[in-house]
């Protein structure tokens, strides 16, 4: 992979977890299809970081 990606990869992984938590709370109180889809995308991205897909 490119050198710049290896530099920001762990920063994105660390920033994604609080965003997922906030999105989860928002989805609990105001559920709509867009929020559920966005939560799913964030979750898949986080799993990709955990399993070193990216």
N, C-alpha and C. Protein backbone atom coordinates (compact mmCIF):
# COMPACT_ATOMS: atom_id res chain seq x y z
N UNK A 1 0.83 -1.18 0.00
CA UNK A 1 0.00 0.00 0.00
C UNK A 1 0.87 1.24 0.00
N UNK A 2 0.22 2.33 -0.19
CA UNK A 2 0.96 3.58 -0.23
C UNK A 2 1.41 3.98 1.16
N UNK A 3 2.48 4.71 1.18
CA UNK A 3 3.09 5.09 2.45
C UNK A 3 2.17 5.99 3.28
N UNK A 4 1.45 6.91 2.64
CA UNK A 4 0.57 7.81 3.38
C UNK A 4 -0.57 7.06 4.05
N UNK A 5 -1.02 5.96 3.44
CA UNK A 5 -2.12 5.20 4.02
C UNK A 5 -1.69 4.55 5.33
N UNK A 6 -0.45 4.06 5.38
CA UNK A 6 0.03 3.42 6.61
C UNK A 6 0.17 4.43 7.74
N UNK A 7 0.36 5.69 7.41
CA UNK A 7 0.50 6.72 8.45
C UNK A 7 -0.84 7.08 9.08
N UNK A 8 -1.90 7.14 8.28
CA UNK A 8 -3.19 7.60 8.82
C UNK A 8 -4.13 6.45 9.16
N UNK A 9 -3.76 5.24 8.86
CA UNK A 9 -4.63 4.08 9.06
C UNK A 9 -5.05 3.91 10.51
N UNK A 10 -4.12 3.98 11.44
CA UNK A 10 -4.43 3.79 12.85
C UNK A 10 -5.18 4.98 13.43
N UNK A 11 -4.95 6.15 12.89
CA UNK A 11 -5.71 7.32 13.32
C UNK A 11 -7.17 7.19 12.93
N UNK A 12 -7.43 6.73 11.72
CA UNK A 12 -8.81 6.52 11.28
C UNK A 12 -9.49 5.44 12.10
N UNK A 13 -8.78 4.39 12.42
CA UNK A 13 -9.36 3.32 13.23
C UNK A 13 -9.72 3.84 14.61
N UNK A 14 -8.86 4.65 15.21
CA UNK A 14 -9.13 5.19 16.53
C UNK A 14 -10.28 6.19 16.51
N UNK A 15 -10.41 6.94 15.44
CA UNK A 15 -11.47 7.94 15.34
C UNK A 15 -12.81 7.31 14.98
N UNK A 16 -12.79 6.15 14.36
CA UNK A 16 -14.03 5.52 13.90
C UNK A 16 -14.85 4.96 15.05
N UNK A 17 -14.20 4.50 16.11
CA UNK A 17 -14.95 3.92 17.23
C UNK A 17 -15.87 4.92 17.93
N UNK A 18 -15.42 6.14 18.28
CA UNK A 18 -16.36 7.10 18.87
C UNK A 18 -17.48 7.51 17.91
N UNK A 19 -17.16 7.59 16.62
CA UNK A 19 -18.19 7.92 15.63
C UNK A 19 -19.25 6.83 15.60
N UNK A 20 -18.84 5.57 15.69
CA UNK A 20 -19.79 4.46 15.71
C UNK A 20 -20.67 4.55 16.96
N UNK A 21 -20.08 4.87 18.10
CA UNK A 21 -20.86 4.99 19.34
C UNK A 21 -21.91 6.10 19.24
N UNK A 22 -21.51 7.24 18.72
CA UNK A 22 -22.45 8.36 18.56
C UNK A 22 -23.55 8.00 17.56
N UNK A 23 -23.18 7.36 16.46
CA UNK A 23 -24.15 6.97 15.46
C UNK A 23 -25.12 5.93 16.01
N UNK A 24 -24.63 5.04 16.85
CA UNK A 24 -25.49 4.03 17.46
C UNK A 24 -26.54 4.67 18.36
N UNK A 25 -26.13 5.64 19.16
CA UNK A 25 -27.08 6.35 20.03
C UNK A 25 -28.10 7.11 19.20
N UNK A 26 -27.63 7.76 18.14
CA UNK A 26 -28.55 8.48 17.26
C UNK A 26 -29.54 7.54 16.59
N UNK A 27 -29.07 6.37 16.18
CA UNK A 27 -29.95 5.39 15.53
C UNK A 27 -30.97 4.84 16.51
N UNK A 28 -30.61 4.72 17.78
CA UNK A 28 -31.57 4.26 18.78
C UNK A 28 -32.72 5.24 18.97
N UNK A 29 -32.41 6.54 18.99
CA UNK A 29 -33.43 7.54 19.27
C UNK A 29 -34.19 7.99 18.02
N UNK A 30 -33.52 8.09 16.90
CA UNK A 30 -34.16 8.56 15.66
C UNK A 30 -33.87 7.59 14.51
N UNK A 31 -34.45 6.42 14.57
CA UNK A 31 -34.12 5.45 13.52
C UNK A 31 -34.78 5.81 12.18
N UNK A 32 -34.00 5.82 11.16
CA UNK A 32 -34.50 5.93 9.80
C UNK A 32 -33.58 5.11 8.91
N UNK A 33 -33.97 4.80 7.70
CA UNK A 33 -33.16 3.92 6.86
C UNK A 33 -31.74 4.44 6.60
N UNK A 34 -31.59 5.74 6.47
CA UNK A 34 -30.26 6.28 6.22
C UNK A 34 -29.33 6.06 7.41
N UNK A 35 -29.84 6.28 8.63
CA UNK A 35 -29.01 6.08 9.82
C UNK A 35 -28.62 4.62 9.99
N UNK A 36 -29.54 3.72 9.71
CA UNK A 36 -29.23 2.30 9.83
C UNK A 36 -28.18 1.91 8.79
N UNK A 37 -28.31 2.40 7.58
CA UNK A 37 -27.33 2.11 6.53
C UNK A 37 -25.96 2.70 6.90
N UNK A 38 -25.94 3.92 7.41
CA UNK A 38 -24.69 4.55 7.79
C UNK A 38 -24.01 3.79 8.93
N UNK A 39 -24.81 3.32 9.88
CA UNK A 39 -24.27 2.51 10.98
C UNK A 39 -23.66 1.22 10.45
N UNK A 40 -24.31 0.60 9.49
CA UNK A 40 -23.81 -0.63 8.88
C UNK A 40 -22.49 -0.39 8.16
N UNK A 41 -22.39 0.72 7.44
CA UNK A 41 -21.16 1.05 6.71
C UNK A 41 -20.01 1.31 7.68
N UNK A 42 -20.28 2.07 8.75
CA UNK A 42 -19.25 2.31 9.75
C UNK A 42 -18.79 1.02 10.40
N UNK A 43 -19.73 0.14 10.70
CA UNK A 43 -19.40 -1.14 11.33
C UNK A 43 -18.54 -2.00 10.40
N UNK A 44 -18.89 -2.06 9.13
CA UNK A 44 -18.08 -2.83 8.19
C UNK A 44 -16.69 -2.23 8.03
N UNK A 45 -16.58 -0.92 8.02
CA UNK A 45 -15.27 -0.28 7.92
C UNK A 45 -14.43 -0.60 9.15
N UNK A 46 -15.04 -0.58 10.32
CA UNK A 46 -14.29 -0.89 11.54
C UNK A 46 -13.85 -2.35 11.55
N UNK A 47 -14.72 -3.24 11.11
CA UNK A 47 -14.31 -4.64 11.02
C UNK A 47 -13.16 -4.82 10.03
N UNK A 48 -13.17 -4.08 8.95
CA UNK A 48 -12.08 -4.12 7.99
C UNK A 48 -10.77 -3.69 8.61
N UNK A 49 -10.82 -2.66 9.45
CA UNK A 49 -9.60 -2.25 10.14
C UNK A 49 -9.15 -3.29 11.15
N UNK A 50 -10.08 -3.91 11.86
CA UNK A 50 -9.71 -4.91 12.86
C UNK A 50 -9.07 -6.15 12.23
N UNK A 51 -9.58 -6.58 11.09
CA UNK A 51 -9.06 -7.78 10.43
C UNK A 51 -7.98 -7.47 9.38
N UNK A 52 -7.46 -6.24 9.41
CA UNK A 52 -6.37 -5.81 8.50
C UNK A 52 -6.69 -6.03 7.02
N UNK A 53 -7.90 -5.72 6.64
CA UNK A 53 -8.29 -5.80 5.23
C UNK A 53 -7.74 -4.58 4.48
N UNK A 54 -7.71 -3.44 5.16
CA UNK A 54 -7.25 -2.20 4.51
C UNK A 54 -5.79 -2.01 4.76
